[in-house]
Amino acid sequence: MQATQAYLVGNKALAKELGAKGRHHSDEMKAAHAAASESIFQQRNTRNASSAVSNKNGAPFLIVAMDCGIQSQHCQRL
């Protein structure tokens, strides 16, 4: 938003700097989400494997944590 405003008033250097900062923060956020997702996945599935969780038919199952936002086009329902 700030990068766009800087660009619109003609300050292209500031717009470039703010855009780069925004992309950097976005990359850091995505990495943090991926780490949290992996941690949750490991915790849930380690606990489930050790306690032999199964469905009503006796078959073991796996809990999967996916990082899918509301507007994501890349995630499928399992």
PDB file of N, CA and C in Angstrom:
ATOM      1  N   MET A   1       0.823  -1.184   0.000  1.00  0.00           N
ATOM      2  CA  MET A   1       0.000   0.000   0.000  1.00  0.00           C
ATOM      3  C   MET A   1       0.871   1.255   0.000  1.00  0.00           C
ATOM      4  N   GLN A   2       1.868   1.289   0.878  1.00  0.00           N
ATOM      5  CA  GLN A   2       2.749   2.453   0.917  1.00  0.00           C
ATOM      6  C   GLN A   2       3.588   2.532  -0.347  1.00  0.00           C
ATOM      7  N   ALA A   3       4.004   1.384  -0.860  1.00  0.00           N
ATOM      8  CA  ALA A   3       4.795   1.369  -2.094  1.00  0.00           C
ATOM      9  C   ALA A   3       3.959   1.912  -3.250  1.00  0.00           C
ATOM     10  N   THR A   4       2.701   1.526  -3.300  1.00  0.00           N
ATOM     11  CA  THR A   4       1.801   2.014  -4.347  1.00  0.00           C
ATOM     12  C   THR A   4       1.620   3.517  -4.243  1.00  0.00           C
ATOM     13  N   GLN A   5       1.421   3.993  -3.026  1.00  0.00           N
ATOM     14  CA  GLN A   5       1.245   5.440  -2.826  1.00  0.00           C
ATOM     15  C   GLN A   5       2.500   6.202  -3.233  1.00  0.00           C
ATOM     16  N   ALA A   6       3.673   5.684  -2.874  1.00  0.00           N
ATOM     17  CA  ALA A   6       4.927   6.333  -3.253  1.00  0.00           C
ATOM     18  C   ALA A   6       5.068   6.374  -4.771  1.00  0.00           C
ATOM     19  N   TYR A   7       4.704   5.299  -5.431  1.00  0.00           N
ATOM     20  CA  TYR A   7       4.784   5.242  -6.896  1.00  0.00           C
ATOM     21  C   TYR A   7       3.832   6.256  -7.532  1.00  0.00           C
ATOM     22  N   LEU A   8       2.613   6.327  -6.982  1.00  0.00           N
ATOM     23  CA  LEU A   8       1.610   7.220  -7.559  1.00  0.00           C
ATOM     24  C   LEU A   8       1.970   8.693  -7.434  1.00  0.00           C
ATOM     25  N   VAL A   9       2.731   9.043  -6.391  1.00  0.00           N
ATOM     26  CA  VAL A   9       3.156  10.446  -6.252  1.00  0.00           C
ATOM     27  C   VAL A   9       4.478  10.696  -6.955  1.00  0.00           C
ATOM     28  N   GLY A  10       5.019   9.681  -7.629  1.00  0.00           N
ATOM     29  CA  GLY A  10       6.215   9.856  -8.439  1.00  0.00           C
ATOM     30  C   GLY A  10       7.524   9.501  -7.759  1.00  0.00           C
ATOM     31  N   ASN A  11       7.494   9.002  -6.539  1.00  0.00           N
ATOM     32  CA  ASN A  11       8.721   8.641  -5.835  1.00  0.00           C
ATOM     33  C   ASN A  11       9.028   7.162  -6.090  1.00  0.00           C
ATOM     34  N   LYS A  12       9.557   6.892  -7.275  1.00  0.00           N
ATOM     35  CA  LYS A  12       9.771   5.508  -7.698  1.00  0.00           C
ATOM     36  C   LYS A  12      10.864   4.808  -6.901  1.00  0.00           C
ATOM     37  N   ALA A  13      11.862   5.544  -6.447  1.00  0.00           N
ATOM     38  CA  ALA A  13      12.934   4.931  -5.649  1.00  0.00           C
ATOM     39  C   ALA A  13      12.376   4.432  -4.317  1.00  0.00           C
ATOM     40  N   LEU A  14      11.572   5.257  -3.667  1.00  0.00           N
ATOM     41  CA  LEU A  14      10.960   4.845  -2.406  1.00  0.00           C
ATOM     42  C   LEU A  14       9.988   3.695  -2.643  1.00  0.00           C
ATOM     43  N   ALA A  15       9.245   3.757  -3.734  1.00  0.00           N
ATOM     44  CA  ALA A  15       8.304   2.679  -4.060  1.00  0.00           C
ATOM     45  C   ALA A  15       9.055   1.360  -4.236  1.00  0.00           C
ATOM     46  N   LYS A  16      10.193   1.404  -4.899  1.00  0.00           N
ATOM     47  CA  LYS A  16      10.996   0.198  -5.110  1.00  0.00           C
ATOM     48  C   LYS A  16      11.496  -0.353  -3.774  1.00  0.00           C
ATOM     49  N   GLU A  17      11.981   0.546  -2.909  1.00  0.00           N
ATOM     50  CA  GLU A  17      12.478   0.127  -1.597  1.00  0.00           C
ATOM     51  C   GLU A  17      11.354  -0.479  -0.746  1.00  0.00           C
ATOM     52  N   LEU A  18      10.207   0.182  -0.705  1.00  0.00           N
ATOM     53  CA  LEU A  18       9.090  -0.317   0.086  1.00  0.00           C
ATOM     54  C   LEU A  18       8.556  -1.636  -0.472  1.00  0.00           C
ATOM     55  N   GLY A  19       8.533  -1.764  -1.785  1.00  0.00           N
ATOM     56  CA  GLY A  19       8.098  -3.013  -2.406  1.00  0.00           C
ATOM     57  C   GLY A  19       9.021  -4.164  -2.044  1.00  0.00           C
ATOM     58  N   ALA A  20      10.325  -3.899  -2.055  1.00  0.00           N
ATOM     59  CA  ALA A  20      11.303  -4.939  -1.697  1.00  0.00           C
ATOM     60  C   ALA A  20      11.139  -5.346  -0.232  1.00  0.00           C
ATOM     61  N   LYS A  21      10.917  -4.356   0.639  1.00  0.00           N
ATOM     62  CA  LYS A  21      10.700  -4.666   2.056  1.00  0.00           C
ATOM     63  C   LYS A  21       9.437  -5.504   2.240  1.00  0.00           C
ATOM     64  N   GLY A  22       8.397  -5.145   1.519  1.00  0.00           N
ATOM     65  CA  GLY A  22       7.145  -5.900   1.599  1.00  0.00           C
ATOM     66  C   GLY A  22       7.307  -7.336   1.146  1.00  0.00           C
ATOM     67  N   ARG A  23       8.032  -7.544   0.051  1.00  0.00           N
ATOM     68  CA  ARG A  23       8.278  -8.905  -0.432  1.00  0.00           C
ATOM     69  C   ARG A  23       9.125  -9.698   0.553  1.00  0.00           C
ATOM     70  N   HIS A  24      10.102  -9.020   1.173  1.00  0.00           N
ATOM     71  CA  HIS A  24      10.948  -9.687   2.169  1.00  0.00           C
ATOM     72  C   HIS A  24      10.111 -10.146   3.366  1.00  0.00           C
ATOM     73  N   HIS A  25       9.247  -9.266   3.871  1.00  0.00           N
ATOM     74  CA  HIS A  25       8.390  -9.630   4.997  1.00  0.00           C
ATOM     75  C   HIS A  25       7.420 -10.744   4.606  1.00  0.00           C
ATOM     76  N   SER A  26       6.924 -10.715   3.392  1.00  0.00           N
ATOM     77  CA  SER A  26       6.032 -11.770   2.914  1.00  0.00           C
ATOM     78  C   SER A  26       6.755 -13.111   2.886  1.00  0.00           C
ATOM     79  N   ASP A  27       7.999 -13.115   2.408  1.00  0.00           N
ATOM     80  CA  ASP A  27       8.787 -14.347   2.375  1.00  0.00           C
ATOM     81  C   ASP A  27       9.044 -14.877   3.784  1.00  0.00           C
ATOM     82  N   GLU A  28       9.347 -13.964   4.731  1.00  0.00           N
ATOM     83  CA  GLU A  28       9.568 -14.383   6.114  1.00  0.00           C
ATOM     84  C   GLU A  28       8.292 -14.981   6.713  1.00  0.00           C
ATOM     85  N   MET A  29       7.149 -14.369   6.416  1.00  0.00           N
ATOM     86  CA  MET A  29       5.875 -14.864   6.923  1.00  0.00           C
ATOM     87  C   MET A  29       5.589 -16.264   6.364  1.00  0.00           C
ATOM     88  N   LYS A  30       5.820 -16.450   5.076  1.00  0.00           N
ATOM     89  CA  LYS A  30       5.582 -17.760   4.466  1.00  0.00           C
ATOM     90  C   LYS A  30       6.485 -18.819   5.077  1.00  0.00           C
ATOM     91  N   ALA A  31       7.737 -18.468   5.351  1.00  0.00           N
ATOM     92  CA  ALA A  31       8.657 -19.415   5.974  1.00  0.00           C
ATOM     93  C   ALA A  31       8.201 -19.763   7.386  1.00  0.00           C
ATOM     94  N   ALA A  32       7.732 -18.767   8.136  1.00  0.00           N
ATOM     95  CA  ALA A  32       7.239 -19.016   9.498  1.00  0.00           C
ATOM     96  C   ALA A  32       6.005 -19.908   9.466  1.00  0.00           C
ATOM     97  N   HIS A  33       5.114 -19.670   8.518  1.00  0.00           N
ATOM     98  CA  HIS A  33       3.914 -20.513   8.388  1.00  0.00           C
ATOM     99  C   HIS A  33       4.294 -21.952   8.031  1.00  0.00           C
ATOM    100  N   ALA A  34       5.260 -22.104   7.145  1.00  0.00           N
ATOM    101  CA  ALA A  34       5.692 -23.445   6.754  1.00  0.00           C
ATOM    102  C   ALA A  34       6.314 -24.177   7.945  1.00  0.00           C
ATOM    103  N   ALA A  35       7.125 -23.469   8.733  1.00  0.00           N
ATOM    104  CA  ALA A  35       7.741 -24.081   9.909  1.00  0.00           C
ATOM    105  C   ALA A  35       6.678 -24.470  10.932  1.00  0.00           C
ATOM    106  N   ALA A  36       5.704 -23.594  11.145  1.00  0.00           N
ATOM    107  CA  ALA A  36       4.632 -23.900  12.093  1.00  0.00           C
ATOM    108  C   ALA A  36       3.807 -25.088  11.604  1.00  0.00           C
ATOM    109  N   SER A  37       3.510 -25.120  10.323  1.00  0.00           N
ATOM    110  CA  SER A  37       2.745 -26.223   9.746  1.00  0.00           C
ATOM    111  C   SER A  37       3.480 -27.547   9.919  1.00  0.00           C
ATOM    112  N   GLU A  38       4.766 -27.549   9.652  1.00  0.00           N
ATOM    113  CA  GLU A  38       5.572 -28.763   9.804  1.00  0.00           C
ATOM    114  C   GLU A  38       5.612 -29.201  11.262  1.00  0.00           C
ATOM    115  N   SER A  39       5.767 -28.241  12.170  1.00  0.00           N
ATOM    116  CA  SER A  39       5.803 -28.558  13.592  1.00  0.00           C
ATOM    117  C   SER A  39       4.485 -29.175  14.058  1.00  0.00           C
ATOM    118  N   ILE A  40       3.382 -28.575  13.651  1.00  0.00           N
ATOM    119  CA  ILE A  40       2.063 -29.094  14.021  1.00  0.00           C
ATOM    120  C   ILE A  40       1.870 -30.495  13.433  1.00  0.00           C
ATOM    121  N   PHE A  41       2.254 -30.669  12.185  1.00  0.00           N
ATOM    122  CA  PHE A  41       2.135 -31.970  11.533  1.00  0.00           C
ATOM    123  C   PHE A  41       2.910 -33.032  12.310  1.00  0.00           C
ATOM    124  N   GLN A  42       4.160 -32.713  12.658  1.00  0.00           N
ATOM    125  CA  GLN A  42       4.999 -33.672  13.378  1.00  0.00           C
ATOM    126  C   GLN A  42       4.417 -33.990  14.755  1.00  0.00           C
ATOM    127  N   GLN A  43       3.959 -32.975  15.470  1.00  0.00           N
ATOM    128  CA  GLN A  43       3.400 -33.197  16.804  1.00  0.00           C
ATOM    129  C   GLN A  43       2.148 -34.060  16.752  1.00  0.00           C
ATOM    130  N   ARG A  44       1.261 -33.746  15.847  1.00  0.00           N
ATOM    131  CA  ARG A  44       0.005 -34.491  15.763  1.00  0.00           C
ATOM    132  C   ARG A  44       0.216 -35.924  15.300  1.00  0.00           C
ATOM    133  N   ASN A  45       1.086 -36.109  14.332  1.00  0.00           N
ATOM    134  CA  ASN A  45       1.267 -37.446  13.781  1.00  0.00           C
ATOM    135  C   ASN A  45       2.185 -38.310  14.630  1.00  0.00           C
ATOM    136  N   THR A  46       3.093 -37.734  15.365  1.00  0.00           N
ATOM    137  CA  THR A  46       3.910 -38.497  16.295  1.00  0.00           C
ATOM    138  C   THR A  46       3.021 -39.019  17.418  1.00  0.00           C
ATOM    139  N   ARG A  47       2.173 -38.135  17.939  1.00  0.00           N
ATOM    140  CA  ARG A  47       1.256 -38.529  19.006  1.00  0.00           C
ATOM    141  C   ARG A  47       0.296 -39.611  18.509  1.00  0.00           C
ATOM    142  N   ASN A  48      -0.240 -39.450  17.305  1.00  0.00           N
ATOM    143  CA  ASN A  48      -1.189 -40.417  16.765  1.00  0.00           C
ATOM    144  C   ASN A  48      -0.531 -41.765  16.496  1.00  0.00           C
ATOM    145  N   ALA A  49       0.679 -41.744  15.982  1.00  0.00           N
ATOM    146  CA  ALA A  49       1.358 -42.998  15.689  1.00  0.00           C
ATOM    147  C   ALA A  49       1.673 -43.752  16.983  1.00  0.00           C
ATOM    148  N   SER A  50       2.053 -43.012  18.019  1.00  0.00           N
ATOM    149  CA  SER A  50       2.422 -43.688  19.261  1.00  0.00           C
ATOM    150  C   SER A  50       1.208 -44.204  20.022  1.00  0.00           C
ATOM    151  N   SER A  51       0.047 -43.594  19.813  1.00  0.00           N
ATOM    152  CA  SER A  51      -1.139 -44.055  20.536  1.00  0.00           C
ATOM    153  C   SER A  51      -2.020 -44.952  19.662  1.00  0.00           C
ATOM    154  N   ALA A  52      -1.555 -45.278  18.467  1.00  0.00           N
ATOM    155  CA  ALA A  52      -2.253 -46.188  17.555  1.00  0.00           C
ATOM    156  C   ALA A  52      -3.694 -45.749  17.314  1.00  0.00           C
ATOM    157  N   VAL A  53      -3.852 -44.518  16.877  1.00  0.00           N
ATOM    158  CA  VAL A  53      -5.183 -43.997  16.567  1.00  0.00           C
ATOM    159  C   VAL A  53      -5.673 -44.623  15.272  1.00  0.00           C
ATOM    160  N   SER A  54      -6.932 -45.018  15.248  1.00  0.00           N
ATOM    161  CA  SER A  54      -7.488 -45.622  14.038  1.00  0.00           C
ATOM    162  C   SER A  54      -8.934 -45.180  13.865  1.00  0.00           C
ATOM    163  N   ASN A  55      -9.452 -45.381  12.675  1.00  0.00           N
ATOM    164  CA  ASN A  55     -10.846 -45.035  12.415  1.00  0.00           C
ATOM    165  C   ASN A  55     -11.748 -46.178  12.881  1.00  0.00           C
ATOM    166  N   LYS A  56     -13.043 -46.061  12.610  1.00  0.00           N
ATOM    167  CA  LYS A  56     -13.974 -47.074  13.117  1.00  0.00           C
ATOM    168  C   LYS A  56     -13.769 -48.449  12.485  1.00  0.00           C
ATOM    169  N   ASN A  57     -13.073 -48.504  11.352  1.00  0.00           N
ATOM    170  CA  ASN A  57     -12.775 -49.796  10.721  1.00  0.00           C
ATOM    171  C   ASN A  57     -11.464 -50.396  11.208  1.00  0.00           C
ATOM    172  N   GLY A  58     -10.785 -49.690  12.107  1.00  0.00           N
ATOM    173  CA  GLY A  58      -9.519 -50.177  12.631  1.00  0.00           C
ATOM    174  C   GLY A  58      -8.311 -49.789  11.812  1.00  0.00           C
ATOM    175  N   ALA A  59      -8.511 -49.039  10.715  1.00  0.00           N
ATOM    176  CA  ALA A  59      -7.394 -48.630   9.873  1.00  0.00           C
ATOM    177  C   ALA A  59      -6.747 -47.377  10.463  1.00  0.00           C
ATOM    178  N   PRO A  60      -5.424 -47.340  10.519  1.00  0.00           N
ATOM    179  CA  PRO A  60      -4.754 -46.143  11.040  1.00  0.00           C
ATOM    180  C   PRO A  60      -4.981 -44.965  10.095  1.00  0.00           C
ATOM    181  N   PHE A  61      -4.941 -43.754  10.641  1.00  0.00           N
ATOM    182  CA  PHE A  61      -5.086 -42.582   9.789  1.00  0.00           C
ATOM    183  C   PHE A  61      -4.065 -41.539  10.173  1.00  0.00           C
ATOM    184  N   LEU A  62      -3.916 -40.558   9.306  1.00  0.00           N
ATOM    185  CA  LEU A  62      -2.911 -39.528   9.453  1.00  0.00           C
ATOM    186  C   LEU A  62      -3.595 -38.172   9.416  1.00  0.00           C
ATOM    187  N   ILE A  63      -3.247 -37.294  10.349  1.00  0.00           N
ATOM    188  CA  ILE A  63      -3.768 -35.926  10.340  1.00  0.00           C
ATOM    189  C   ILE A  63      -2.787 -35.078   9.545  1.00  0.00           C
ATOM    190  N   VAL A  64      -3.290 -34.308   8.589  1.00  0.00           N
ATOM    191  CA  VAL A  64      -2.449 -33.475   7.745  1.00  0.00           C
ATOM    192  C   VAL A  64      -2.810 -32.017   7.963  1.00  0.00           C
ATOM    193  N   ALA A  65      -1.820 -31.191   8.273  1.00  0.00           N
ATOM    194  CA  ALA A  65      -2.024 -29.748   8.409  1.00  0.00           C
ATOM    195  C   ALA A  65      -1.552 -29.099   7.116  1.00  0.00           C
ATOM    196  N   MET A  66      -2.455 -28.377   6.453  1.00  0.00           N
ATOM    197  CA  MET A  66      -2.110 -27.730   5.193  1.00  0.00           C
ATOM    198  C   MET A  66      -2.180 -26.231   5.356  1.00  0.00           C
ATOM    199  N   ASP A  67      -1.280 -25.532   4.700  1.00  0.00           N
ATOM    200  CA  ASP A  67      -1.242 -24.078   4.751  1.00  0.00           C
ATOM    201  C   ASP A  67      -2.012 -23.547   3.551  1.00  0.00           C
ATOM    202  N   CYS A  68      -3.344 -23.510   3.665  1.00  0.00           N
ATOM    203  CA  CYS A  68      -4.197 -23.061   2.568  1.00  0.00           C
ATOM    204  C   CYS A  68      -5.066 -21.912   3.052  1.00  0.00           C
ATOM    205  N   GLY A  69      -4.880 -20.768   2.480  1.00  0.00           N
ATOM    206  CA  GLY A  69      -5.724 -19.637   2.821  1.00  0.00           C
ATOM    207  C   GLY A  69      -7.077 -19.763   2.150  1.00  0.00           C
ATOM    208  N   ILE A  70      -7.964 -18.892   2.532  1.00  0.00           N
ATOM    209  CA  ILE A  70      -9.322 -18.912   2.000  1.00  0.00           C
ATOM    210  C   ILE A  70      -9.327 -18.781   0.479  1.00  0.00           C
ATOM    211  N   GLN A  71      -8.436 -17.951  -0.042  1.00  0.00           N
ATOM    212  CA  GLN A  71      -8.464 -17.675  -1.479  1.00  0.00           C
ATOM    213  C   GLN A  71      -7.475 -18.529  -2.274  1.00  0.00           C
ATOM    214  N   SER A  72      -6.907 -19.541  -1.657  1.00  0.00           N
ATOM    215  CA  SER A  72      -5.923 -20.374  -2.345  1.00  0.00           C
ATOM    216  C   SER A  72      -6.593 -21.214  -3.421  1.00  0.00           C
ATOM    217  N   GLN A  73      -5.990 -21.225  -4.590  1.00  0.00           N
ATOM    218  CA  GLN A  73      -6.489 -22.011  -5.709  1.00  0.00           C
ATOM    219  C   GLN A  73      -5.767 -23.350  -5.802  1.00  0.00           C
ATOM    220  N   HIS A  74      -4.706 -23.549  -4.975  1.00  0.00           N
ATOM    221  CA  HIS A  74      -3.846 -24.712  -5.118  1.00  0.00           C
ATOM    222  C   HIS A  74      -4.145 -25.850  -4.158  1.00  0.00           C
ATOM    223  N   CYS A  75      -5.048 -25.662  -3.233  1.00  0.00           N
ATOM    224  CA  CYS A  75      -5.336 -26.692  -2.252  1.00  0.00           C
ATOM    225  C   CYS A  75      -6.583 -27.466  -2.649  1.00  0.00           C
ATOM    226  N   GLN A  76      -6.518 -28.748  -2.438  1.00  0.00           N
ATOM    227  CA  GLN A  76      -7.654 -29.606  -2.749  1.00  0.00           C
ATOM    228  C   GLN A  76      -8.197 -30.174  -1.455  1.00  0.00           C
ATOM    229  N   ARG A  77      -9.478 -30.447  -1.452  1.00  0.00           N
ATOM    230  CA  ARG A  77     -10.075 -31.098  -0.293  1.00  0.00           C
ATOM    231  C   ARG A  77      -9.684 -32.570  -0.316  1.00  0.00           C
ATOM    232  N   LEU A  78      -9.364 -33.107   0.854  1.00  0.00           N
ATOM    233  CA  LEU A  78      -8.977 -34.521   0.937  1.00  0.00           C
ATOM    234  C   LEU A  78     -10.166 -35.383   1.191  1.00  0.00           C
TER     235      LEU A  78
END
